[in-house]
Structures are given as C-alpha cells and as structure tokens.
Amino acid sequence: MQRLRPHVAHDYRHVPLERKEVSCSGTGLRLVAMWYQDLSEVHIHKLNYILVDGPDPGTYGTAYTQYSHSGILQYMPSILAQSFVVVFDDAERYGEIMTIRALKGVFDACAVPYIQFLIHGIKTQVVFCSPDQFYLQSV
C-alpha cells in the first residue's frame, strides 16, 4: 500500500488489485473478483458514504465483466454506519447491475433497512441509503 499526499478532508490510498474470493453476508453467494488488497482500517471504521466506481473494464458490445466491482460486497453491511449512502456509478453496465442486485440481496438477508433509487444523467447511478437519508431522492 502506498499512501498518497493527504488532503484536508480525505485520506487517499493507492492499493494494488488482487484476485479474491468474496463471500456475501447472509446470501451464501461466493464470487471471485479482482479487488484491492485488504486494509485493516476498513474493519475499524464505520463509513457513512461509499462510492463504488472504477475504470471501464474495456469490454465492447454485449461483453461484460460479471459482478464488476463486487469486492465491496465482502464488507457489507459490517462497514456501514447507521446512517449511510452507497453510490454505484456506471449502473447501466450489466456487470455493475449484477453487483447491485447482489448488494440488495445482502441488505435484505441481513435485514438492513434501505432506500434504493436511480439518478440518470450521462451515466446512471444507483443509490442505496439509510431511511434517514430519504431526502436525497429529491436532489
């Protein structure tokens, strides 16, 4: 892990990708994904905002990467604060759609209350948030 120049409000990290087996809480779903090396800090802090984004996998036409960015699922829902927002960018891609459905399954299996909605622009984002963040639907 390489620590990049710290910012006043954010701590940026450069962490290499590795092949990982991902287990999804409560669902029994097991996936193999290219994901970041584990950081101990991820298990210490509860997060209230998570953006799931990354480069285009470079597939064309009907080709896609199954369960794109699915490494985040191994941490759900244990890393979420009581009040949370999770945003998936590029939610129009089929691989991301698969991961979004898997996260919905984790939340349902673990009885995590949430609201899910879409934001449409040049790209599509799917947002999961705790019920106290319901007002975000109107932004």
Foldseek 3Di string as FASTA:
>chain_A
DDWDDDDPVDTDDDFAWDWDWAAAPQPRDIDIDTDGDDDPVLQVAADAEEEQDDDAPPDDDLDDDAQPSLNVRNCPPNNHDLWHKYKYWQCVGPNVVNSVVSNVVSCVSVVRAWDWDWDDDVGIMIMITHPVVVCVVVD
